[in-house]
Protein backbone atom coordinates (compact mmCIF):
# COMPACT_ATOMS: atom_id res chain seq x y z
CA UNK A 1 19.07 -5.75 6.30
CA UNK A 2 18.82 -9.55 6.25
CA UNK A 3 21.18 -11.38 8.62
CA UNK A 4 24.62 -12.20 7.17
CA UNK A 5 25.30 -15.76 6.10
CA UNK A 6 21.67 -16.47 5.13
CA UNK A 7 21.41 -18.20 1.76
CA UNK A 8 18.07 -20.01 2.04
CA UNK A 9 14.61 -19.01 3.26
CA UNK A 10 11.86 -21.42 4.30
CA UNK A 11 8.27 -20.21 4.75
CA UNK A 12 5.81 -21.81 7.15
CA UNK A 13 2.51 -20.84 5.54
CA UNK A 14 3.94 -19.94 2.13
CA UNK A 15 0.49 -19.98 0.52
CA UNK A 16 -0.66 -16.90 2.44
CA UNK A 17 -1.05 -13.74 0.41
CA UNK A 18 1.51 -11.79 2.44
CA UNK A 19 3.90 -14.71 2.85
CA UNK A 20 3.96 -15.50 -0.86
CA UNK A 21 4.86 -11.89 -1.70
CA UNK A 22 7.86 -12.15 0.62
CA UNK A 23 8.80 -15.52 -0.86
CA UNK A 24 8.81 -14.00 -4.33
CA UNK A 25 10.96 -11.09 -3.15
CA UNK A 26 13.58 -13.40 -1.64
CA UNK A 27 13.70 -15.49 -4.78
CA UNK A 28 14.18 -12.36 -6.91
CA UNK A 29 17.02 -11.37 -4.59
CA UNK A 30 18.79 -14.66 -5.31
CA UNK A 31 17.94 -16.71 -2.21
CA UNK A 32 16.90 -20.35 -2.37
CA UNK A 33 13.23 -20.43 -1.35
CA UNK A 34 10.92 -23.25 -0.26
CA UNK A 35 7.94 -23.54 2.05
CA UNK A 36 5.11 -25.44 3.65
CA UNK A 37 1.37 -24.97 3.51
CA UNK A 38 -1.54 -27.05 4.69
CA UNK A 39 -3.20 -27.52 1.31
CA UNK A 40 -2.45 -26.77 -2.34
CA UNK A 41 -4.02 -23.66 -3.86
CA UNK A 42 -3.73 -21.63 -7.06
CA UNK A 43 -1.19 -19.47 -5.25
CA UNK A 44 1.03 -22.40 -4.19
CA UNK A 45 0.71 -23.77 -7.73
CA UNK A 46 2.03 -20.46 -9.04
CA UNK A 47 4.95 -20.49 -6.62
CA UNK A 48 5.91 -23.99 -7.75
CA UNK A 49 5.78 -22.86 -11.37
CA UNK A 50 8.13 -20.03 -10.41
CA UNK A 51 10.68 -22.54 -9.16
CA UNK A 52 9.96 -22.83 -5.44
CA UNK A 53 9.54 -26.19 -3.72
CA UNK A 54 6.34 -26.37 -1.67
CA UNK A 55 5.52 -29.23 0.70
CA UNK A 56 2.13 -30.06 2.22
CA UNK A 57 3.11 -32.60 4.88
CA UNK A 58 3.78 -31.39 8.43
CA UNK A 59 6.76 -33.75 8.66
CA UNK A 60 10.48 -33.11 9.14
CA UNK A 61 11.36 -35.63 6.43
CA UNK A 62 9.44 -33.56 3.86
CA UNK A 63 11.73 -30.52 4.30
CA UNK A 64 14.21 -30.24 1.42
CA UNK A 65 17.70 -31.19 2.60
CA UNK A 66 19.38 -27.80 2.22
CA UNK A 67 16.72 -26.18 4.40
CA UNK A 68 17.17 -28.52 7.38
CA UNK A 69 20.84 -29.49 7.52
CA UNK A 70 22.52 -26.07 7.68
CA UNK A 71 20.57 -24.01 10.24
CA UNK A 72 23.11 -21.19 10.23
CA UNK A 73 22.30 -20.49 6.55
CA UNK A 74 18.52 -20.67 6.79
CA UNK A 75 16.01 -17.99 7.68
CA UNK A 76 12.61 -19.40 8.63
CA UNK A 77 9.63 -17.10 8.19
CA UNK A 78 6.39 -18.09 9.88
CA UNK A 79 2.87 -16.80 10.28
CA UNK A 80 0.76 -16.99 13.47
CA UNK A 81 -1.75 -18.97 11.39
CA UNK A 82 0.56 -21.98 11.83
CA UNK A 83 -0.69 -24.10 14.78
CA UNK A 84 1.52 -24.05 17.86
CA UNK A 85 1.66 -27.85 17.82
CA UNK A 86 3.05 -27.94 14.27
CA UNK A 87 5.86 -30.48 13.90
CA UNK A 88 7.70 -28.19 11.49
CA UNK A 89 7.40 -25.15 13.74
CA UNK A 90 8.79 -27.12 16.67
CA UNK A 91 11.69 -28.36 14.52
CA UNK A 92 12.64 -24.90 13.30
CA UNK A 93 12.54 -23.52 16.83
CA UNK A 94 15.68 -25.53 17.52
CA UNK A 95 18.71 -23.55 16.32
CA UNK A 96 17.21 -21.76 13.26
CA UNK A 97 16.76 -18.03 12.78
CA UNK A 98 12.97 -17.89 13.13
CA UNK A 99 11.12 -14.65 12.34
CA UNK A 100 7.48 -13.67 11.90
CA UNK A 101 6.51 -12.33 8.50
CA UNK A 102 6.02 -8.85 9.92
CA UNK A 103 9.50 -8.82 11.44
CA UNK A 104 11.08 -9.73 8.11
CA UNK A 105 9.08 -7.06 6.32
CA UNK A 106 10.37 -4.62 8.91
CA UNK A 107 13.95 -5.71 8.23
CA UNK A 108 13.47 -5.08 4.51
CA UNK A 109 11.82 -1.67 4.92
CA UNK A 110 14.24 -0.37 7.54
CA UNK A 111 16.83 0.84 5.05
CA UNK A 112 14.58 2.00 2.21
CA UNK A 113 12.09 4.83 1.79
CA UNK A 114 8.80 3.22 2.73
CA UNK A 115 5.18 4.20 2.12
CA UNK A 116 3.00 2.10 4.43
CA UNK A 117 -0.76 1.81 3.91
CA UNK A 118 -2.83 0.77 6.93
CA UNK A 119 -6.51 0.61 7.80
CA UNK A 120 -9.27 -1.79 8.73
CA UNK A 121 -10.29 -1.84 5.08
CA UNK A 122 -9.11 -0.26 1.85
CA UNK A 123 -5.41 -0.90 2.33
CA UNK A 124 -4.96 -3.50 -0.42
CA UNK A 125 -6.63 -1.44 -3.14
CA UNK A 126 -4.96 1.78 -1.98
CA UNK A 127 -1.44 0.34 -1.73
CA UNK A 128 -1.86 -1.35 -5.13
CA UNK A 129 -2.99 1.92 -6.71
CA UNK A 130 -0.12 3.86 -5.10
CA UNK A 131 2.35 1.35 -6.52
CA UNK A 132 0.71 1.41 -9.96
CA UNK A 133 0.69 5.21 -10.24
CA UNK A 134 4.37 5.39 -9.29
CA UNK A 135 5.48 2.48 -11.47
CA UNK A 136 3.46 3.52 -14.52
CA UNK A 137 5.08 6.97 -14.23
CA UNK A 138 8.54 5.40 -14.40
CA UNK A 139 9.42 5.48 -10.71
CA UNK A 140 11.44 2.61 -9.21
CA UNK A 141 9.03 0.73 -6.94
CA UNK A 142 9.00 -2.38 -4.77
CA UNK A 143 5.52 -3.21 -3.47
CA UNK A 144 4.39 -5.90 -1.02
CA UNK A 145 0.64 -6.20 -1.44
CA UNK A 146 -2.21 -8.09 0.20
CA UNK A 147 -3.85 -9.14 -3.05
CA UNK A 148 -3.12 -10.16 -6.62
CA UNK A 149 -3.09 -7.06 -8.81
CA UNK A 150 -4.80 -7.39 -12.17
CA UNK A 151 -2.18 -5.26 -13.91
CA UNK A 152 0.81 -7.32 -12.78
CA UNK A 153 -0.86 -10.65 -11.87
CA UNK A 154 1.13 -10.69 -8.64
CA UNK A 155 1.17 -9.53 -5.03
CA UNK A 156 4.75 -8.34 -5.52
CA UNK A 157 5.77 -5.48 -7.81
CA UNK A 158 9.46 -4.99 -8.55
CA UNK A 159 11.44 -2.39 -10.45
CA UNK A 160 14.81 -4.11 -10.57
CA UNK A 161 17.01 -4.44 -7.50
CA UNK A 162 17.51 -0.72 -7.05
CA UNK A 163 18.16 0.24 -3.45
CA UNK A 164 16.71 3.61 -4.41
CA UNK A 165 13.30 2.10 -5.09
CA UNK A 166 10.33 3.38 -3.15
CA UNK A 167 8.86 0.57 -1.05
CA UNK A 168 5.06 0.43 -0.89
CA UNK A 169 3.80 -1.96 1.73
CA UNK A 170 0.42 -3.00 3.03
CA UNK A 171 0.58 -2.51 6.80
CA UNK A 172 -1.53 -5.19 8.48
CA UNK A 173 -3.04 -4.41 11.88
CA UNK A 174 -3.72 -8.10 12.64
CA UNK A 175 -1.51 -9.30 15.50
CA UNK A 176 -0.10 -5.71 15.58
CA UNK A 177 2.13 -6.69 12.67
CA UNK A 178 2.42 -3.15 11.35
CA UNK A 179 4.37 -2.06 14.43
CA UNK A 180 7.45 -3.78 12.96
CA UNK A 181 7.57 -1.37 10.00
CA UNK A 182 9.68 1.76 9.52
CA UNK A 183 7.47 4.07 7.41
CA UNK A 184 8.64 7.37 5.96
CA UNK A 185 5.06 8.03 4.91
CA UNK A 186 1.81 6.42 6.00
CA UNK A 187 -1.78 6.22 4.86
CA UNK A 188 -4.61 5.32 7.22
CA UNK A 189 -7.63 4.40 5.12
CA UNK A 190 -9.99 3.60 8.01
CA UNK A 191 -9.99 2.99 11.76
CA UNK A 192 -13.15 1.00 12.31
CA UNK A 193 -13.01 -1.68 15.02
CA UNK A 194 -12.01 -5.19 13.93
CA UNK A 195 -9.86 -8.08 15.18
CA UNK A 196 -11.34 -7.72 18.64
CA UNK A 197 -10.12 -11.27 19.32
CA UNK A 198 -6.63 -9.74 19.23
CA UNK A 199 -7.20 -6.23 20.59
CA UNK A 200 -10.00 -6.89 23.06
CA UNK A 201 -11.97 -3.68 22.54
CA UNK A 202 -12.39 -0.75 20.19
CA UNK A 203 -10.15 1.58 22.19
CA UNK A 204 -7.24 -0.85 21.99
CA UNK A 205 -7.36 -1.06 18.21
CA UNK A 206 -7.47 2.74 18.00
CA UNK A 207 -4.40 2.81 20.23
CA UNK A 208 -2.79 0.32 17.86
CA UNK A 209 -3.34 2.66 14.92
CA UNK A 210 -1.99 5.53 16.99
CA UNK A 211 1.16 3.52 17.72
CA UNK A 212 1.54 2.81 14.03
CA UNK A 213 1.29 6.49 13.11
CA UNK A 214 3.87 7.35 15.77
CA UNK A 215 6.40 5.26 13.81
CA UNK A 216 6.27 7.58 10.80
CA UNK A 217 9.45 9.52 10.18
CA UNK A 218 9.13 13.01 11.67
CA UNK A 219 9.94 14.53 8.27
CA UNK A 220 7.42 12.31 6.48
CA UNK A 221 3.77 12.71 5.60
CA UNK A 222 0.62 11.13 7.01
CA UNK A 223 -2.50 10.78 4.85
CA UNK A 224 -5.54 10.35 7.11
CA UNK A 225 -8.97 9.43 5.81
CA UNK A 226 -11.41 11.95 7.28
CA UNK A 227 -13.46 9.54 9.43
CA UNK A 228 -10.26 7.93 10.74
CA UNK A 229 -8.95 11.42 11.52
CA UNK A 230 -12.13 12.14 13.47
CA UNK A 231 -11.75 8.91 15.45
CA UNK A 232 -8.05 9.26 16.20
CA UNK A 233 -7.31 12.97 16.31
CA UNK A 234 -4.12 14.41 14.87
CA UNK A 235 -1.90 12.42 17.26
CA UNK A 236 0.53 15.29 17.56
CA UNK A 237 1.27 15.16 13.82
CA UNK A 238 2.70 18.45 12.59
CA UNK A 239 0.20 20.34 10.42
CA UNK A 240 2.80 20.44 7.63
CA UNK A 241 2.90 16.62 7.61
CA UNK A 242 -0.83 15.89 7.81
CA UNK A 243 -2.95 15.38 4.71
CA UNK A 244 -6.64 14.74 5.40
CA UNK A 245 -8.65 13.15 2.60
CA UNK A 246 -12.11 11.76 1.96
CA UNK A 247 -15.06 11.96 -0.40
CA UNK A 248 -16.49 14.90 1.55
CA UNK A 249 -13.35 16.01 3.40
CA UNK A 250 -12.43 19.65 3.94
CA UNK A 251 -8.97 18.62 2.70
CA UNK A 252 -8.31 16.42 -0.32
CA UNK A 253 -11.67 15.37 -1.74
CA UNK A 254 -13.63 14.40 -4.83
CA UNK A 255 -16.27 16.35 -6.70
CA UNK A 256 -18.65 15.62 -9.57
CA UNK A 257 -18.64 11.85 -9.01
CA UNK A 258 -20.49 9.95 -11.73
CA UNK A 259 -21.23 6.25 -11.26
CA UNK A 260 -21.12 4.35 -14.55
CA UNK A 261 -21.67 0.59 -15.07
CA UNK A 262 -17.94 -0.06 -15.56
CA UNK A 263 -16.17 2.98 -14.11
CA UNK A 264 -16.47 6.04 -11.88
CA UNK A 265 -15.63 9.54 -13.09
CA UNK A 266 -14.59 12.25 -10.63
CA UNK A 267 -12.59 15.43 -10.04
CA UNK A 268 -9.59 15.35 -7.70
CA UNK A 269 -9.48 18.46 -5.52
CA UNK A 270 -6.33 19.07 -3.48
CA UNK A 271 -4.86 22.12 -1.78
CA UNK A 272 -2.45 22.75 -4.67
CA UNK A 273 -3.79 20.62 -7.51
CA UNK A 274 -7.10 19.98 -9.22
CA UNK A 275 -7.47 17.28 -11.84
CA UNK A 276 -10.85 17.20 -13.58
CA UNK A 277 -12.63 14.29 -15.22
CA UNK A 278 -10.53 11.39 -13.99
CA UNK A 279 -11.91 8.01 -15.07
CA UNK A 280 -11.30 5.17 -12.61
CA UNK A 281 -11.79 1.83 -14.33
CA UNK A 282 -12.58 0.06 -11.04
CA UNK A 283 -16.02 1.23 -9.88
CA UNK A 284 -17.06 2.13 -6.34
CA UNK A 285 -17.29 5.20 -4.14
CA UNK A 286 -14.78 3.56 -1.80
CA UNK A 287 -12.35 3.14 -4.69
CA UNK A 288 -12.66 6.82 -5.56
CA UNK A 289 -11.73 7.59 -1.95
CA UNK A 290 -8.78 5.20 -2.12
CA UNK A 291 -7.68 6.91 -5.32
CA UNK A 292 -7.59 10.30 -3.58
CA UNK A 293 -4.82 9.14 -1.24
CA UNK A 294 -2.91 7.45 -4.05
CA UNK A 295 -3.09 10.53 -6.26
CA UNK A 296 -1.89 12.80 -3.43
CA UNK A 297 1.11 10.55 -2.80
CA UNK A 298 1.95 10.32 -6.50
CA UNK A 299 1.79 14.12 -6.88
CA UNK A 300 4.11 14.54 -3.90
CA UNK A 301 6.60 12.23 -5.61
CA UNK A 302 6.67 14.19 -8.84
CA UNK A 303 4.11 12.34 -10.95
CA UNK A 304 2.47 14.87 -13.28
CA UNK A 305 -1.19 15.33 -14.19
CA UNK A 306 -0.99 13.47 -17.50
CA UNK A 307 0.68 10.49 -15.81
CA UNK A 308 -1.93 10.54 -13.04
CA UNK A 309 -4.75 10.58 -15.56
CA UNK A 310 -3.28 7.65 -17.50
CA UNK A 311 -2.42 5.67 -14.36
CA UNK A 312 -5.93 6.01 -12.93
CA UNK A 313 -7.47 5.01 -16.25
CA UNK A 314 -5.24 1.93 -16.71
CA UNK A 315 -5.46 0.58 -13.15
CA UNK A 316 -7.39 -2.67 -13.36
CA UNK A 317 -7.74 -3.28 -9.65
CA UNK A 318 -7.05 -6.25 -7.42
CA UNK A 319 -8.53 -9.70 -7.74
CA UNK A 320 -11.55 -10.13 -5.46
CA UNK A 321 -11.79 -6.38 -4.83
CA UNK A 322 -14.98 -5.28 -6.58
CA UNK A 323 -14.07 -7.61 -9.42
CA UNK A 324 -16.65 -7.56 -12.22
CA UNK A 325 -16.99 -10.99 -13.82
CA UNK A 326 -20.01 -10.17 -15.97
CA UNK A 327 -21.20 -6.76 -17.06
CA UNK A 328 -24.00 -7.97 -19.33
CA UNK A 329 -27.34 -6.20 -18.71
CA UNK A 330 -29.65 -8.28 -16.57
CA UNK A 331 -26.93 -10.67 -15.45
CA UNK A 332 -24.28 -8.66 -13.65
CA UNK A 333 -21.83 -10.57 -11.44
CA UNK A 334 -19.45 -8.84 -9.02
CA UNK A 335 -17.18 -10.56 -6.47
CA UNK A 336 -15.65 -8.77 -3.49
CA UNK A 337 -13.47 -9.69 -0.50
CA UNK A 338 -15.62 -7.60 1.88
CA UNK A 339 -15.90 -9.27 5.30
CA UNK A 340 -16.56 -6.31 7.65
CA UNK A 341 -19.89 -4.43 7.91
CA UNK A 342 -18.36 -1.17 6.68
CA UNK A 343 -16.76 -2.91 3.69
CA UNK A 344 -20.06 -4.55 2.79
CA UNK A 345 -21.87 -1.22 3.10
CA UNK A 346 -19.33 0.48 0.82
CA UNK A 347 -19.53 -2.28 -1.76
CA UNK A 348 -23.31 -2.60 -1.90
CA UNK A 349 -23.88 1.18 -1.87
CA UNK A 350 -21.71 1.43 -4.96
CA UNK A 351 -23.48 -1.47 -6.66
CA UNK A 352 -26.84 0.19 -5.95
CA UNK A 353 -25.62 3.46 -7.46
CA UNK A 354 -24.40 1.65 -10.57
CA UNK A 355 -27.56 -0.41 -11.08
CA UNK A 356 -30.32 1.48 -9.24
CA UNK A 357 -33.31 -0.24 -10.85
CA UNK A 358 -32.13 -3.85 -10.89
CA UNK A 359 -32.70 -6.56 -8.28
CA UNK A 360 -29.57 -7.17 -6.21
CA UNK A 361 -28.84 -10.64 -4.83
CA UNK A 362 -25.98 -11.05 -2.32
CA UNK A 363 -24.29 -14.30 -1.32
CA UNK A 364 -22.25 -13.71 1.86
CA UNK A 365 -19.93 -16.05 3.74
CA UNK A 366 -19.19 -14.64 7.22
CA UNK A 367 -15.51 -14.84 8.21
CA UNK A 368 -14.60 -15.80 11.80
CA UNK A 369 -16.96 -16.63 14.65
CA UNK A 370 -15.64 -13.73 16.75
CA UNK A 371 -16.18 -11.15 14.01
CA UNK A 372 -19.70 -12.44 13.35
CA UNK A 373 -20.50 -12.25 17.06
CA UNK A 374 -18.92 -8.85 17.63
CA UNK A 375 -20.51 -7.09 14.65
CA UNK A 376 -23.77 -8.99 14.10
CA UNK A 377 -26.03 -5.86 14.07
CA UNK A 378 -23.70 -4.14 11.61
CA UNK A 379 -23.69 -7.13 9.28
CA UNK A 380 -27.49 -7.27 9.27
CA UNK A 381 -27.76 -3.55 8.59
CA UNK A 382 -25.26 -3.50 5.72
CA UNK A 383 -26.69 -6.63 4.08
CA UNK A 384 -30.12 -4.99 4.15
CA UNK A 385 -28.99 -2.88 1.20
CA UNK A 386 -29.65 -5.96 -0.96
CA UNK A 387 -33.00 -7.23 -2.23
CA UNK A 388 -32.10 -10.88 -1.64
CA UNK A 389 -29.55 -12.19 0.88
CA UNK A 390 -28.05 -15.68 0.93
CA UNK A 391 -25.94 -16.56 3.96
CA UNK A 392 -23.40 -19.39 3.96
CA UNK A 393 -22.01 -21.04 7.12
CA UNK A 394 -19.32 -19.09 8.95
CA UNK A 395 -15.80 -19.69 7.65
CA UNK A 396 -13.76 -20.50 10.80
CA UNK A 397 -10.23 -19.79 9.53
CA UNK A 398 -8.04 -20.02 12.63
CA UNK A 399 -10.93 -20.25 15.13
CA UNK A 400 -12.89 -22.96 16.86
CA UNK A 401 -16.71 -22.71 16.89
CA UNK A 402 -18.40 -20.54 19.52
CA UNK A 403 -21.69 -21.94 20.88
CA UNK A 404 -24.66 -20.04 19.49
CA UNK A 405 -22.62 -18.07 16.94
CA UNK A 406 -23.97 -19.11 13.52
CA UNK A 407 -24.94 -17.36 10.31
CA UNK A 408 -28.63 -17.74 11.16
CA UNK A 409 -28.22 -15.18 13.97
CA UNK A 410 -28.00 -12.44 11.32
CA UNK A 411 -31.22 -13.32 9.51
CA UNK A 412 -33.86 -11.74 11.75
CA UNK A 413 -32.54 -8.18 11.45
CA UNK A 414 -31.80 -8.30 7.72
CA UNK A 415 -34.39 -6.19 5.89
CA UNK A 416 -34.62 -7.91 2.52
CA UNK A 417 -37.48 -9.31 0.46
CA UNK A 418 -35.83 -12.73 0.57
CA UNK A 419 -33.25 -14.08 3.01
CA UNK A 420 -32.03 -17.64 3.50
CA UNK A 421 -29.18 -19.69 4.95
CA UNK A 422 -27.87 -22.48 2.73
CA UNK A 423 -24.78 -24.64 2.28
CA UNK A 424 -22.11 -23.90 -0.31
CA UNK A 425 -23.17 -26.96 -2.25
CA UNK A 426 -26.65 -25.47 -2.69
CA UNK A 427 -25.58 -22.11 -4.13
CA UNK A 428 -25.74 -23.03 -7.81
CA UNK A 429 -29.23 -24.51 -7.47
CA UNK A 430 -30.40 -21.37 -5.65
CA UNK A 431 -29.02 -19.12 -8.37
CA UNK A 432 -30.58 -21.20 -11.12
CA UNK A 433 -33.97 -20.85 -9.44
CA UNK A 434 -33.52 -17.14 -8.63
CA UNK A 435 -31.98 -15.87 -11.91
CA UNK A 436 -30.41 -12.80 -10.26
CA UNK A 437 -30.19 -9.56 -12.21
CA UNK A 438 -27.25 -8.25 -10.18
CA UNK A 439 -25.33 -10.85 -8.19
CA UNK A 440 -22.68 -9.99 -5.59
CA UNK A 441 -20.58 -12.58 -3.75
CA UNK A 442 -18.88 -11.41 -0.56
CA UNK A 443 -16.44 -12.89 1.95
CA UNK A 444 -12.83 -13.54 2.92
CA UNK A 445 -13.07 -17.31 3.38
CA UNK A 446 -13.23 -19.98 0.69
CA UNK A 447 -16.23 -18.51 -1.11
CA UNK A 448 -13.74 -17.64 -3.84
CA UNK A 449 -13.77 -21.34 -4.81
CA UNK A 450 -17.33 -20.80 -6.05
CA UNK A 451 -16.51 -17.76 -8.19
CA UNK A 452 -15.20 -19.45 -11.37
CA UNK A 453 -18.27 -21.69 -11.58
CA UNK A 454 -20.67 -18.82 -10.91
CA UNK A 455 -18.90 -16.68 -13.51
CA UNK A 456 -19.10 -19.43 -16.14
CA UNK A 457 -22.80 -20.00 -15.35
CA UNK A 458 -23.59 -16.29 -15.45
CA UNK A 459 -21.90 -15.73 -18.78
CA UNK A 460 -23.56 -18.77 -20.34
CA UNK A 461 -27.10 -17.80 -19.29
CA UNK A 462 -29.45 -16.60 -22.00
CA UNK A 463 -29.79 -12.84 -22.02
CA UNK A 464 -32.97 -11.72 -20.21
CA UNK A 465 -35.63 -10.66 -22.64
CA UNK A 466 -36.37 -7.49 -20.69
CA UNK A 467 -32.72 -6.38 -20.29
């Protein structure tokens, strides 16, 4: 329930993936929407094309008139990524209704049936697949996602303005944001340590996930990935509410997995249902596992086997989540958002299964100084699955440099035939000299800016004579 009298919504950090989804929702609901971001991006360009005004100057004068002269009618949504010394943040702290993104998402989900998907990794793909299976089966769905879905070219999925719509939301553990939600059902895809700059230690983040699960409606269901279940325990969840899943789980699991160059085939095995020969168009063992949770939820909401089979087959994934830009033999190019050791391991293990005999080259941009420091051994181990490793400088995001924490610290323990640290500007020259057979780019920073150029170069290369 949004506060009465609010007619306009201004977003501080509107270009963020979660913020932009909210901005789109408010516009669809009839609110006037505008926002600020530090720099233009394809996402802010899209918002402008959709009719929102976006400013890039941290100046009061840049705020559109209707968003600064009637504070009682304006909701201001902000993200912790906005610096505390921001001129705009300081201005809106004076007399405006100022809410964090997570609080607003909580306000929206409070009065509707909500399926919340949490986890250190896997939540974007899983929540997107849940939403797609429900929507493609004709269910009314509203979904707030942490990535741009390929099927809908958006991070927001809507099925009209129906108050009966199921709400699917990505539940972000960063800054404990997910504790503002009101889930009727929850999925926990993973509980590996991350964001130790926020939580301090591994036990604290586990406690955070436990708090999140405690918010689930007592009559609802909890879908726990098997390793997360092992780490957390059942948390007092009633056996009738708990659904354990995983590739090798004793509960919901997959059998007869076949890795193909452009898809994975598997059997879904549940306690009441078995669906054989499902073809998932987005490859990866981790995506098969994500699909298990999504299928279980869809079945519980009345989606039948034929609809499941079609929904799984037609799901095209999320941009930058195991996104295949070239599938030509001898010049494969895959881009992925992976920025945690376990995500990298899952991605590269799947690539190796798909192309077992081809040389794999990985270009990785570490994300955050703290994460690089905290998980350095894990990064080196997971990157060792590649034949060649190229490290870019650490992307700082919201952080200041930490003395001694640099990409080079990962090199010594990486077991690869070739490993180097280079600048972003040197990547294309490296690739031209290396002629990779299977190329994977990884990272959550601005490495995505390189992807279009790499894709164009890859697709224009002559086909290898031995492919």
